[in-house]
């Protein structure tokens, strides 16, 4: 069964995704092991990250490989990131509202993150939800915010941190094909007059938990 919310509800955190650079050093191995044993972490993956040109303008010290994990409690997750600060940026994408959700036929193999460039109205959010709901490979879409944790200060303040859209995509096709599918989804939203820009996409390589 699918669910679409056309109107904004009072913000309540529904968990989200957190990712940390995986560089095979002591720090990244510690994070992977701690998250694997944490009750705050659901599924966990080894992923390749592809940052858009727009994302690289704002986010410094981006890596290629990350550990990506679903978290339940955002406040607890942020404390964990603060304790494990690295030179490479870690990102937390908190979902405050589910826009769309359904049971997917295939396994999830892609997570794509976008931002809305303007203060979204209830009508805009409803249009995003309806456009995404038409894409049958999208299992879940949520809107929320992004937090960045790093020992290296960011070059610029990311102005759209409170307007993040996260899509979970399930498909048996390769990552390049799924990425094109997500780009078509983004264009569907833009045709509604809503500027939605890709920030980063995560291709799932291996399930760790």
N, C-alpha and C. Protein backbone atom coordinates (compact mmCIF):
# COMPACT_ATOMS: atom_id res chain seq x y z
N UNK A 1 0.85 -1.20 0.00
CA UNK A 1 0.00 0.00 0.00
C UNK A 1 0.88 1.23 0.00
N UNK A 2 0.49 2.22 -0.76
CA UNK A 2 1.26 3.45 -0.83
C UNK A 2 0.66 4.52 0.05
N UNK A 3 1.49 5.51 0.37
CA UNK A 3 1.05 6.60 1.22
C UNK A 3 1.62 7.89 0.68
N UNK A 4 0.77 8.89 0.45
CA UNK A 4 1.23 10.18 -0.03
C UNK A 4 0.64 11.26 0.85
N UNK A 5 1.49 12.18 1.31
CA UNK A 5 1.02 13.28 2.12
C UNK A 5 1.20 14.57 1.34
N UNK A 6 0.11 15.22 1.02
CA UNK A 6 0.19 16.44 0.24
C UNK A 6 0.35 17.66 1.13
N UNK A 7 0.06 17.54 2.43
CA UNK A 7 0.16 18.68 3.32
C UNK A 7 1.24 18.42 4.37
N UNK A 8 1.94 19.50 4.76
CA UNK A 8 2.95 19.36 5.79
C UNK A 8 2.31 19.15 7.14
N UNK A 9 2.87 18.27 7.92
CA UNK A 9 2.44 18.04 9.28
C UNK A 9 3.48 18.64 10.22
N UNK A 10 3.16 18.84 11.50
CA UNK A 10 4.19 19.30 12.44
C UNK A 10 5.39 18.37 12.41
N UNK A 11 6.59 18.94 12.44
CA UNK A 11 7.79 18.15 12.28
C UNK A 11 7.94 17.12 13.40
N UNK A 12 8.22 15.89 13.00
CA UNK A 12 8.55 14.85 13.96
C UNK A 12 9.57 13.96 13.28
N UNK A 13 10.65 13.68 13.95
CA UNK A 13 11.73 12.96 13.30
C UNK A 13 11.38 11.50 13.10
N UNK A 14 11.61 11.02 11.89
CA UNK A 14 11.32 9.63 11.54
C UNK A 14 12.61 8.86 11.28
N UNK A 15 13.68 9.27 11.92
CA UNK A 15 14.96 8.64 11.66
C UNK A 15 15.59 9.24 10.43
N UNK A 16 16.32 8.44 9.70
CA UNK A 16 16.98 8.93 8.49
C UNK A 16 18.23 8.13 8.19
N UNK A 17 19.15 8.76 7.47
CA UNK A 17 20.39 8.11 7.06
C UNK A 17 21.60 8.89 7.56
N UNK A 18 22.62 8.16 7.92
CA UNK A 18 23.89 8.76 8.30
C UNK A 18 24.98 8.07 7.49
N UNK A 19 25.99 8.83 7.08
CA UNK A 19 27.09 8.21 6.34
C UNK A 19 28.41 8.81 6.80
N UNK A 20 29.40 7.96 6.87
CA UNK A 20 30.74 8.36 7.29
C UNK A 20 31.75 7.81 6.30
N UNK A 21 32.82 8.57 6.00
CA UNK A 21 33.83 8.09 5.05
C UNK A 21 34.44 6.78 5.54
N UNK A 22 34.64 5.85 4.62
CA UNK A 22 35.32 4.60 4.98
C UNK A 22 36.65 4.55 4.25
N UNK A 23 37.71 4.78 5.00
CA UNK A 23 39.06 4.87 4.43
C UNK A 23 39.98 3.76 4.92
N UNK A 24 39.41 2.75 5.58
CA UNK A 24 40.15 1.58 6.07
C UNK A 24 41.16 1.95 7.15
N UNK A 25 41.05 3.13 7.73
CA UNK A 25 41.94 3.47 8.83
C UNK A 25 41.24 3.12 10.15
N UNK A 26 41.95 3.39 11.27
CA UNK A 26 41.44 2.98 12.58
C UNK A 26 40.11 3.66 12.89
N UNK A 27 40.01 4.95 12.57
CA UNK A 27 38.80 5.69 12.89
C UNK A 27 37.58 5.18 12.16
N UNK A 28 37.69 4.93 10.86
CA UNK A 28 36.53 4.48 10.09
C UNK A 28 36.14 3.04 10.44
N UNK A 29 37.13 2.22 10.78
CA UNK A 29 36.82 0.84 11.20
C UNK A 29 36.07 0.86 12.53
N UNK A 30 36.48 1.75 13.45
CA UNK A 30 35.80 1.87 14.74
C UNK A 30 34.34 2.27 14.55
N UNK A 31 34.10 3.23 13.66
CA UNK A 31 32.72 3.67 13.41
C UNK A 31 31.89 2.51 12.86
N UNK A 32 32.43 1.78 11.89
CA UNK A 32 31.69 0.66 11.29
C UNK A 32 31.33 -0.38 12.36
N UNK A 33 32.28 -0.72 13.21
CA UNK A 33 32.04 -1.73 14.23
C UNK A 33 31.04 -1.24 15.28
N UNK A 34 31.15 0.02 15.67
CA UNK A 34 30.22 0.56 16.66
C UNK A 34 28.80 0.61 16.12
N UNK A 35 28.65 1.05 14.87
CA UNK A 35 27.31 1.11 14.27
C UNK A 35 26.73 -0.29 14.09
N UNK A 36 27.58 -1.24 13.78
CA UNK A 36 27.09 -2.61 13.58
C UNK A 36 26.46 -3.16 14.85
N UNK A 37 26.99 -2.75 16.00
CA UNK A 37 26.47 -3.25 17.26
C UNK A 37 25.45 -2.34 17.92
N UNK A 38 25.11 -1.22 17.28
CA UNK A 38 24.22 -0.23 17.90
C UNK A 38 22.76 -0.57 17.67
N UNK A 39 21.93 -0.43 18.71
CA UNK A 39 20.49 -0.62 18.58
C UNK A 39 19.84 0.57 17.88
N UNK A 40 20.57 1.68 17.77
CA UNK A 40 20.05 2.86 17.08
C UNK A 40 20.18 2.73 15.57
N UNK A 41 20.94 1.73 15.12
CA UNK A 41 21.18 1.53 13.69
C UNK A 41 20.38 0.34 13.18
N UNK A 42 19.66 0.56 12.08
CA UNK A 42 18.94 -0.54 11.43
C UNK A 42 19.83 -1.16 10.38
N UNK A 43 19.47 -0.99 9.12
CA UNK A 43 20.30 -1.52 8.03
C UNK A 43 21.55 -0.68 7.87
N UNK A 44 22.62 -1.32 7.40
CA UNK A 44 23.89 -0.63 7.20
C UNK A 44 24.53 -1.17 5.93
N UNK A 45 25.16 -0.26 5.15
CA UNK A 45 25.66 -0.63 3.83
C UNK A 45 27.05 -0.04 3.58
N UNK A 46 27.79 -0.71 2.72
CA UNK A 46 29.01 -0.15 2.15
C UNK A 46 28.62 0.43 0.79
N UNK A 47 28.93 1.71 0.56
CA UNK A 47 28.42 2.38 -0.63
C UNK A 47 29.51 3.20 -1.32
N UNK A 48 29.24 3.48 -2.59
CA UNK A 48 30.00 4.47 -3.35
C UNK A 48 29.16 5.73 -3.43
N UNK A 49 29.77 6.87 -3.14
CA UNK A 49 29.06 8.15 -3.18
C UNK A 49 29.44 8.93 -4.43
N UNK A 50 28.43 9.51 -5.07
CA UNK A 50 28.67 10.38 -6.23
C UNK A 50 28.09 11.76 -5.90
N UNK A 51 28.96 12.74 -5.70
CA UNK A 51 28.53 14.09 -5.37
C UNK A 51 28.32 14.89 -6.64
N UNK A 52 27.24 15.65 -6.68
CA UNK A 52 26.99 16.52 -7.82
C UNK A 52 27.98 17.69 -7.78
N UNK A 53 28.11 18.38 -8.90
CA UNK A 53 28.97 19.56 -8.93
C UNK A 53 28.49 20.60 -7.93
N UNK A 54 27.17 20.74 -7.80
CA UNK A 54 26.62 21.69 -6.85
C UNK A 54 26.99 21.29 -5.42
N UNK A 55 26.94 19.98 -5.14
CA UNK A 55 27.28 19.50 -3.81
C UNK A 55 28.73 19.74 -3.46
N UNK A 56 29.61 19.50 -4.41
CA UNK A 56 31.04 19.70 -4.16
C UNK A 56 31.38 21.16 -3.90
N UNK A 57 30.55 22.08 -4.37
CA UNK A 57 30.80 23.50 -4.13
C UNK A 57 30.62 23.85 -2.66
N UNK A 58 29.77 23.08 -1.97
CA UNK A 58 29.47 23.39 -0.58
C UNK A 58 30.12 22.43 0.42
N UNK A 59 30.34 21.18 0.00
CA UNK A 59 30.78 20.15 0.93
C UNK A 59 32.24 19.80 0.67
N UNK A 60 33.09 20.06 1.65
CA UNK A 60 34.51 19.79 1.48
C UNK A 60 34.85 18.39 1.97
N UNK A 61 36.04 17.92 1.60
CA UNK A 61 36.58 16.64 2.07
C UNK A 61 35.65 15.48 1.76
N UNK A 62 35.06 15.48 0.57
CA UNK A 62 34.20 14.36 0.20
C UNK A 62 35.05 13.17 -0.24
N UNK A 63 34.59 11.97 0.09
CA UNK A 63 35.31 10.75 -0.24
C UNK A 63 34.51 9.96 -1.28
N UNK A 64 35.03 8.81 -1.68
CA UNK A 64 34.34 7.96 -2.64
C UNK A 64 33.53 6.86 -1.96
N UNK A 65 34.08 6.29 -0.91
CA UNK A 65 33.42 5.17 -0.23
C UNK A 65 32.98 5.58 1.17
N UNK A 66 31.78 5.14 1.51
CA UNK A 66 31.19 5.48 2.80
C UNK A 66 30.51 4.26 3.40
N UNK A 67 30.33 4.31 4.72
CA UNK A 67 29.39 3.43 5.40
C UNK A 67 28.11 4.22 5.55
N UNK A 68 27.02 3.69 5.01
CA UNK A 68 25.71 4.34 5.06
C UNK A 68 24.81 3.51 5.95
N UNK A 69 24.12 4.16 6.89
CA UNK A 69 23.29 3.42 7.84
C UNK A 69 21.99 4.14 8.11
N UNK A 70 20.95 3.37 8.36
CA UNK A 70 19.66 3.93 8.78
C UNK A 70 19.68 4.08 10.30
N UNK A 71 19.33 5.27 10.79
CA UNK A 71 19.28 5.47 12.23
C UNK A 71 17.84 5.75 12.67
N UNK A 72 17.61 5.58 13.97
CA UNK A 72 16.26 5.80 14.53
C UNK A 72 16.20 7.10 15.32
N UNK A 73 17.20 7.35 16.16
CA UNK A 73 17.22 8.52 17.05
C UNK A 73 18.28 9.50 16.57
N UNK A 74 17.85 10.65 16.04
CA UNK A 74 18.79 11.61 15.47
C UNK A 74 19.69 12.27 16.49
N UNK A 75 19.18 12.59 17.68
CA UNK A 75 20.00 13.23 18.71
C UNK A 75 21.13 12.30 19.15
N UNK A 76 20.80 11.04 19.33
CA UNK A 76 21.83 10.05 19.71
C UNK A 76 22.84 9.87 18.58
N UNK A 77 22.33 9.88 17.34
CA UNK A 77 23.23 9.71 16.19
C UNK A 77 24.21 10.87 16.08
N UNK A 78 23.74 12.09 16.34
CA UNK A 78 24.62 13.25 16.25
C UNK A 78 25.70 13.19 17.32
N UNK A 79 25.36 12.71 18.50
CA UNK A 79 26.38 12.55 19.56
C UNK A 79 27.45 11.56 19.13
N UNK A 80 27.03 10.48 18.47
CA UNK A 80 28.00 9.49 17.98
C UNK A 80 28.95 10.12 16.95
N UNK A 81 28.41 10.93 16.05
CA UNK A 81 29.25 11.57 15.04
C UNK A 81 30.24 12.54 15.68
N UNK A 82 29.78 13.27 16.68
CA UNK A 82 30.66 14.22 17.36
C UNK A 82 31.83 13.50 18.03
N UNK A 83 31.57 12.32 18.57
CA UNK A 83 32.63 11.56 19.23
C UNK A 83 33.64 10.98 18.23
N UNK A 84 33.19 10.81 16.98
CA UNK A 84 34.05 10.19 15.97
C UNK A 84 34.34 11.16 14.82
N UNK A 85 34.58 12.41 15.14
CA UNK A 85 34.89 13.39 14.09
C UNK A 85 36.11 12.95 13.29
N UNK A 86 36.03 13.10 11.97
CA UNK A 86 37.14 12.78 11.08
C UNK A 86 37.42 14.00 10.19
N UNK A 87 38.56 13.97 9.52
CA UNK A 87 38.85 15.05 8.56
C UNK A 87 37.86 15.02 7.41
N UNK A 88 37.49 13.82 6.98
CA UNK A 88 36.47 13.69 5.94
C UNK A 88 35.09 13.92 6.54
N UNK A 89 34.24 14.60 5.82
CA UNK A 89 32.91 14.96 6.33
C UNK A 89 31.99 13.74 6.45
N UNK A 90 31.28 13.67 7.58
CA UNK A 90 30.18 12.73 7.75
C UNK A 90 28.89 13.51 7.62
N UNK A 91 27.85 12.85 7.11
CA UNK A 91 26.58 13.53 6.85
C UNK A 91 25.44 12.79 7.52
N UNK A 92 24.52 13.56 8.08
CA UNK A 92 23.32 12.99 8.67
C UNK A 92 22.11 13.61 8.00
N UNK A 93 21.29 12.77 7.37
CA UNK A 93 20.09 13.23 6.67
C UNK A 93 18.88 12.79 7.50
N UNK A 94 18.33 13.71 8.26
CA UNK A 94 17.20 13.41 9.12
C UNK A 94 15.90 13.58 8.36
N UNK A 95 15.00 12.63 8.48
CA UNK A 95 13.69 12.70 7.83
C UNK A 95 12.66 13.17 8.85
N UNK A 96 12.07 14.33 8.58
CA UNK A 96 11.05 14.89 9.47
C UNK A 96 9.64 14.52 9.02
N UNK A 97 9.49 14.20 7.74
CA UNK A 97 8.17 13.85 7.21
C UNK A 97 8.31 12.89 6.04
N UNK A 98 7.57 11.79 6.08
CA UNK A 98 7.50 10.90 4.93
C UNK A 98 6.55 11.49 3.91
N UNK A 99 7.02 11.64 2.67
CA UNK A 99 6.18 12.13 1.59
C UNK A 99 5.48 11.00 0.87
N UNK A 100 6.16 9.84 0.86
CA UNK A 100 5.62 8.71 0.10
C UNK A 100 6.28 7.44 0.61
N UNK A 101 5.50 6.37 0.70
CA UNK A 101 6.07 5.10 1.17
C UNK A 101 5.27 3.94 0.62
N UNK A 102 5.99 2.91 0.16
CA UNK A 102 5.31 1.68 -0.28
C UNK A 102 6.31 0.53 -0.20
N UNK A 103 5.79 -0.67 -0.21
CA UNK A 103 6.64 -1.85 -0.19
C UNK A 103 7.19 -2.09 -1.58
N UNK A 104 8.51 -2.19 -1.67
CA UNK A 104 9.16 -2.35 -2.97
C UNK A 104 9.31 -3.83 -3.32
N UNK A 105 9.23 -4.13 -4.62
CA UNK A 105 9.34 -5.51 -5.08
C UNK A 105 10.79 -5.99 -5.09
N UNK A 106 11.71 -5.09 -5.43
CA UNK A 106 13.13 -5.45 -5.50
C UNK A 106 13.86 -4.93 -4.26
N UNK A 107 15.11 -5.32 -4.11
CA UNK A 107 15.90 -4.83 -2.97
C UNK A 107 16.35 -3.40 -3.22
N UNK A 108 16.48 -2.64 -2.13
CA UNK A 108 16.96 -1.28 -2.27
C UNK A 108 18.44 -1.30 -2.65
N UNK A 109 18.80 -0.57 -3.70
CA UNK A 109 20.20 -0.54 -4.11
C UNK A 109 20.72 0.87 -4.38
N UNK A 110 19.93 1.89 -4.01
CA UNK A 110 20.32 3.26 -4.33
C UNK A 110 19.59 4.21 -3.40
N UNK A 111 20.33 5.19 -2.88
CA UNK A 111 19.73 6.27 -2.09
C UNK A 111 20.20 7.58 -2.70
N UNK A 112 19.25 8.43 -3.09
CA UNK A 112 19.60 9.68 -3.72
C UNK A 112 19.07 10.85 -2.89
N UNK A 113 19.93 11.86 -2.70
CA UNK A 113 19.60 12.99 -1.84
C UNK A 113 19.57 14.27 -2.67
N UNK A 114 18.54 15.06 -2.48
CA UNK A 114 18.33 16.31 -3.21
C UNK A 114 18.08 17.45 -2.24
N UNK A 115 18.04 18.67 -2.78
CA UNK A 115 17.59 19.80 -1.98
C UNK A 115 16.68 20.68 -2.83
N UNK A 116 15.72 21.29 -2.16
CA UNK A 116 14.83 22.25 -2.79
C UNK A 116 15.44 23.63 -2.62
N UNK A 117 15.53 24.40 -3.70
CA UNK A 117 16.28 25.65 -3.66
C UNK A 117 15.49 26.83 -3.11
N UNK A 118 14.22 26.63 -2.85
CA UNK A 118 13.41 27.72 -2.32
C UNK A 118 12.63 27.21 -1.12
N UNK A 119 12.16 28.14 -0.27
CA UNK A 119 11.35 27.74 0.87
C UNK A 119 10.09 27.06 0.36
N UNK A 120 9.98 25.77 0.62
CA UNK A 120 8.90 25.01 0.02
C UNK A 120 7.57 25.29 0.74
N UNK A 121 6.54 25.46 -0.05
CA UNK A 121 5.19 25.64 0.49
C UNK A 121 4.54 24.28 0.62
N UNK A 122 3.37 24.25 1.28
CA UNK A 122 2.62 23.00 1.36
C UNK A 122 2.30 22.48 -0.04
N UNK A 123 1.96 23.39 -0.92
CA UNK A 123 1.62 23.00 -2.29
C UNK A 123 2.82 22.40 -3.02
N UNK A 124 4.00 23.01 -2.84
CA UNK A 124 5.21 22.49 -3.47
C UNK A 124 5.53 21.08 -2.98
N UNK A 125 5.45 20.89 -1.67
CA UNK A 125 5.75 19.58 -1.10
C UNK A 125 4.76 18.54 -1.60
N UNK A 126 3.50 18.94 -1.73
CA UNK A 126 2.51 18.02 -2.29
C UNK A 126 2.82 17.63 -3.72
N UNK A 127 3.30 18.59 -4.52
CA UNK A 127 3.67 18.31 -5.91
C UNK A 127 4.86 17.36 -5.98
N UNK A 128 5.82 17.55 -5.09
CA UNK A 128 6.97 16.65 -5.04
C UNK A 128 6.51 15.23 -4.72
N UNK A 129 5.64 15.11 -3.71
CA UNK A 129 5.14 13.80 -3.30
C UNK A 129 4.39 13.11 -4.44
N UNK A 130 3.55 13.84 -5.15
CA UNK A 130 2.77 13.25 -6.25
C UNK A 130 3.66 12.83 -7.41
N UNK A 131 4.67 13.65 -7.73
CA UNK A 131 5.58 13.31 -8.83
C UNK A 131 6.38 12.06 -8.50
N UNK A 132 6.87 11.97 -7.27
CA UNK A 132 7.67 10.81 -6.87
C UNK A 132 6.81 9.56 -6.79
N UNK A 133 5.57 9.71 -6.36
CA UNK A 133 4.68 8.55 -6.21
C UNK A 133 4.43 7.84 -7.53
N UNK A 134 4.59 8.56 -8.63
CA UNK A 134 4.38 7.95 -9.96
C UNK A 134 5.56 7.07 -10.38
N UNK A 135 6.68 7.17 -9.69
CA UNK A 135 7.88 6.41 -10.04
C UNK A 135 7.88 5.12 -9.23
N UNK A 136 7.59 3.99 -9.87
CA UNK A 136 7.32 2.75 -9.14
C UNK A 136 8.54 2.14 -8.47
N UNK A 137 9.74 2.57 -8.83
CA UNK A 137 10.93 2.02 -8.19
C UNK A 137 11.30 2.75 -6.89
N UNK A 138 10.66 3.88 -6.62
CA UNK A 138 10.92 4.63 -5.39
C UNK A 138 10.07 4.02 -4.28
N UNK A 139 10.74 3.46 -3.28
CA UNK A 139 10.03 2.84 -2.17
C UNK A 139 9.65 3.83 -1.09
N UNK A 140 10.48 4.85 -0.92
CA UNK A 140 10.21 5.84 0.12
C UNK A 140 10.79 7.18 -0.29
N UNK A 141 10.07 8.25 0.01
CA UNK A 141 10.58 9.60 -0.15
C UNK A 141 10.30 10.36 1.13
N UNK A 142 11.28 11.10 1.60
CA UNK A 142 11.11 11.87 2.82
C UNK A 142 11.74 13.24 2.69
N UNK A 143 11.27 14.18 3.49
CA UNK A 143 11.83 15.52 3.48
C UNK A 143 12.34 15.84 4.88
N UNK A 144 13.48 16.50 4.95
CA UNK A 144 14.06 16.79 6.25
C UNK A 144 15.23 17.75 6.14
N UNK A 145 16.33 17.43 6.83
CA UNK A 145 17.46 18.35 6.90
C UNK A 145 18.77 17.57 6.93
N UNK A 146 19.85 18.30 6.71
CA UNK A 146 21.18 17.70 6.70
C UNK A 146 22.06 18.36 7.75
N UNK A 147 22.84 17.55 8.46
CA UNK A 147 23.88 18.04 9.36
C UNK A 147 25.21 17.46 8.89
N UNK A 148 26.27 18.26 9.01
CA UNK A 148 27.61 17.86 8.59
C UNK A 148 28.53 17.86 9.80
N UNK A 149 29.36 16.84 9.92
CA UNK A 149 30.29 16.73 11.04
C UNK A 149 31.68 16.44 10.49
N UNK A 150 32.65 17.28 10.84
CA UNK A 150 34.02 17.13 10.35
C UNK A 150 34.97 17.94 11.22
N UNK A 151 36.24 17.53 11.26
CA UNK A 151 37.24 18.34 11.94
C UNK A 151 37.70 19.51 11.07
N UNK A 152 37.34 19.47 9.78
CA UNK A 152 37.71 20.52 8.84
C UNK A 152 36.51 21.43 8.60
N UNK A 153 36.62 22.73 8.84
CA UNK A 153 35.48 23.64 8.61
C UNK A 153 35.04 23.62 7.16
N UNK A 154 33.73 23.72 6.95
CA UNK A 154 33.20 23.78 5.59
C UNK A 154 33.56 25.10 4.93
N UNK A 155 33.84 25.05 3.63
CA UNK A 155 34.23 26.26 2.90
C UNK A 155 33.10 27.28 2.84
N UNK A 156 31.88 26.77 2.66
CA UNK A 156 30.71 27.63 2.58
C UNK A 156 29.60 27.03 3.43
N UNK A 157 28.73 27.88 3.90
CA UNK A 157 27.55 27.40 4.60
C UNK A 157 26.53 26.91 3.58
N UNK A 158 26.06 25.68 3.75
CA UNK A 158 25.09 25.12 2.81
C UNK A 158 23.73 25.76 3.10
N UNK A 159 23.19 26.54 2.17
CA UNK A 159 21.99 27.33 2.46
C UNK A 159 20.68 26.55 2.43
N UNK A 160 20.72 25.28 1.99
CA UNK A 160 19.49 24.53 1.82
C UNK A 160 19.42 23.33 2.76
N UNK A 161 20.13 23.40 3.87
CA UNK A 161 20.23 22.24 4.77
C UNK A 161 18.89 21.82 5.36
N UNK A 162 17.92 22.73 5.40
CA UNK A 162 16.61 22.41 5.96
C UNK A 162 15.60 22.01 4.90
N UNK A 163 16.05 21.80 3.67
CA UNK A 163 15.14 21.48 2.57
C UNK A 163 15.64 20.26 1.79
N UNK A 164 15.98 19.21 2.53
CA UNK A 164 16.56 18.00 1.95
C UNK A 164 15.46 16.99 1.61
N UNK A 165 15.58 16.37 0.44
CA UNK A 165 14.68 15.30 0.01
C UNK A 165 15.49 14.02 -0.19
N UNK A 166 15.05 12.93 0.43
CA UNK A 166 15.76 11.65 0.34
C UNK A 166 14.86 10.63 -0.36
N UNK A 167 15.40 9.98 -1.38
CA UNK A 167 14.67 8.93 -2.10
C UNK A 167 15.38 7.59 -1.91
N UNK A 168 14.61 6.57 -1.57
CA UNK A 168 15.12 5.20 -1.53
C UNK A 168 14.63 4.50 -2.80
N UNK A 169 15.55 3.94 -3.57
CA UNK A 169 15.19 3.33 -4.85
C UNK A 169 15.53 1.84 -4.83
N UNK A 170 14.60 1.02 -5.28
CA UNK A 170 14.79 -0.42 -5.33
C UNK A 170 14.72 -0.88 -6.77
N UNK A 171 15.77 -1.56 -7.21
CA UNK A 171 15.83 -2.00 -8.59
C UNK A 171 16.85 -3.13 -8.74
N UNK A 172 16.61 -4.00 -9.72
CA UNK A 172 17.57 -5.06 -10.04
C UNK A 172 18.56 -4.61 -11.12
N UNK A 173 18.38 -3.38 -11.63
CA UNK A 173 19.25 -2.88 -12.68
C UNK A 173 20.53 -2.30 -12.08
N UNK A 174 21.52 -2.02 -12.95
CA UNK A 174 22.79 -1.51 -12.46
C UNK A 174 22.65 -0.06 -11.98
N UNK A 175 23.67 0.40 -11.26
CA UNK A 175 23.60 1.71 -10.64
C UNK A 175 23.52 2.85 -11.66
N UNK A 176 24.17 2.68 -12.78
CA UNK A 176 24.11 3.71 -13.81
C UNK A 176 22.68 3.88 -14.31
N UNK A 177 21.99 2.77 -14.51
CA UNK A 177 20.60 2.81 -14.96
C UNK A 177 19.70 3.44 -13.90
N UNK A 178 19.93 3.08 -12.64
CA UNK A 178 19.12 3.63 -11.56
C UNK A 178 19.36 5.13 -11.41
N UNK A 179 20.60 5.55 -11.61
CA UNK A 179 20.91 6.97 -11.53
C UNK A 179 20.14 7.76 -12.60
N UNK A 180 20.06 7.20 -13.81
CA UNK A 180 19.29 7.85 -14.88
C UNK A 180 17.80 7.89 -14.51
N UNK A 181 17.33 6.84 -13.88
CA UNK A 181 15.94 6.80 -13.43
C UNK A 181 15.66 7.92 -12.42
N UNK A 182 16.60 8.12 -11.50
CA UNK A 182 16.45 9.19 -10.50
C UNK A 182 16.49 10.56 -11.16
N UNK A 183 17.33 10.71 -12.18
CA UNK A 183 17.41 11.99 -12.88
C UNK A 183 16.08 12.29 -13.59
N UNK A 184 15.45 11.28 -14.15
CA UNK A 184 14.13 11.47 -14.77
C UNK A 184 13.11 11.88 -13.71
N UNK A 185 13.21 11.29 -12.53
CA UNK A 185 12.32 11.64 -11.43
C UNK A 185 12.53 13.10 -11.03
N UNK A 186 13.78 13.53 -10.94
CA UNK A 186 14.08 14.92 -10.60
C UNK A 186 13.50 15.87 -11.65
N UNK A 187 13.64 15.51 -12.91
CA UNK A 187 13.11 16.37 -13.97
C UNK A 187 11.58 16.45 -13.92
N UNK A 188 10.93 15.34 -13.52
CA UNK A 188 9.48 15.36 -13.36
C UNK A 188 9.07 16.41 -12.33
N UNK A 189 9.84 16.50 -11.25
CA UNK A 189 9.55 17.50 -10.22
C UNK A 189 9.80 18.91 -10.76
N UNK A 190 10.91 19.08 -11.47
CA UNK A 190 11.26 20.41 -11.99
C UNK A 190 10.22 20.92 -12.99
N UNK A 191 9.58 20.00 -13.72
CA UNK A 191 8.53 20.41 -14.67
C UNK A 191 7.34 21.04 -13.95
N UNK A 192 7.23 20.78 -12.66
CA UNK A 192 6.16 21.39 -11.87
C UNK A 192 6.52 22.80 -11.43
N UNK A 193 7.70 23.28 -11.84
CA UNK A 193 8.14 24.61 -11.45
C UNK A 193 8.86 24.63 -10.11
N UNK A 194 9.27 23.45 -9.62
CA UNK A 194 9.96 23.33 -8.33
C UNK A 194 11.40 22.94 -8.60
N UNK A 195 12.34 23.75 -8.15
CA UNK A 195 13.75 23.48 -8.41
C UNK A 195 14.28 22.49 -7.39
N UNK A 196 14.48 21.24 -7.82
CA UNK A 196 15.04 20.19 -6.96
C UNK A 196 16.37 19.77 -7.57
N UNK A 197 17.43 19.90 -6.80
CA UNK A 197 18.80 19.68 -7.30
C UNK A 197 19.44 18.51 -6.57
N UNK A 198 20.14 17.66 -7.32
CA UNK A 198 20.83 16.53 -6.70
C UNK A 198 22.01 17.01 -5.88
N UNK A 199 22.16 16.45 -4.70
CA UNK A 199 23.29 16.75 -3.82
C UNK A 199 24.30 15.61 -3.84
N UNK A 200 23.84 14.41 -3.56
CA UNK A 200 24.71 13.22 -3.55
C UNK A 200 23.85 11.98 -3.74
N UNK A 201 24.43 10.97 -4.39
CA UNK A 201 23.76 9.68 -4.56
C UNK A 201 24.66 8.58 -4.04
N UNK A 202 24.04 7.57 -3.42
CA UNK A 202 24.79 6.46 -2.84
C UNK A 202 24.40 5.16 -3.54
N UNK A 203 25.38 4.53 -4.17
CA UNK A 203 25.18 3.23 -4.80
C UNK A 203 25.57 2.15 -3.81
N UNK A 204 24.63 1.29 -3.46
CA UNK A 204 24.88 0.27 -2.45
C UNK A 204 25.67 -0.89 -3.06
N UNK A 205 26.82 -1.17 -2.47
CA UNK A 205 27.69 -2.23 -2.96
C UNK A 205 27.55 -3.51 -2.14
N UNK A 206 27.31 -3.34 -0.83
CA UNK A 206 27.29 -4.51 0.06
C UNK A 206 26.47 -4.17 1.30
N UNK A 207 25.67 -5.15 1.74
CA UNK A 207 24.94 -4.98 2.99
C UNK A 207 25.82 -5.42 4.16
N UNK A 208 25.96 -4.57 5.18
CA UNK A 208 26.82 -4.87 6.33
C UNK A 208 26.03 -5.26 7.57
N UNK A 209 24.72 -4.99 7.55
CA UNK A 209 23.89 -5.32 8.72
C UNK A 209 22.45 -5.45 8.28
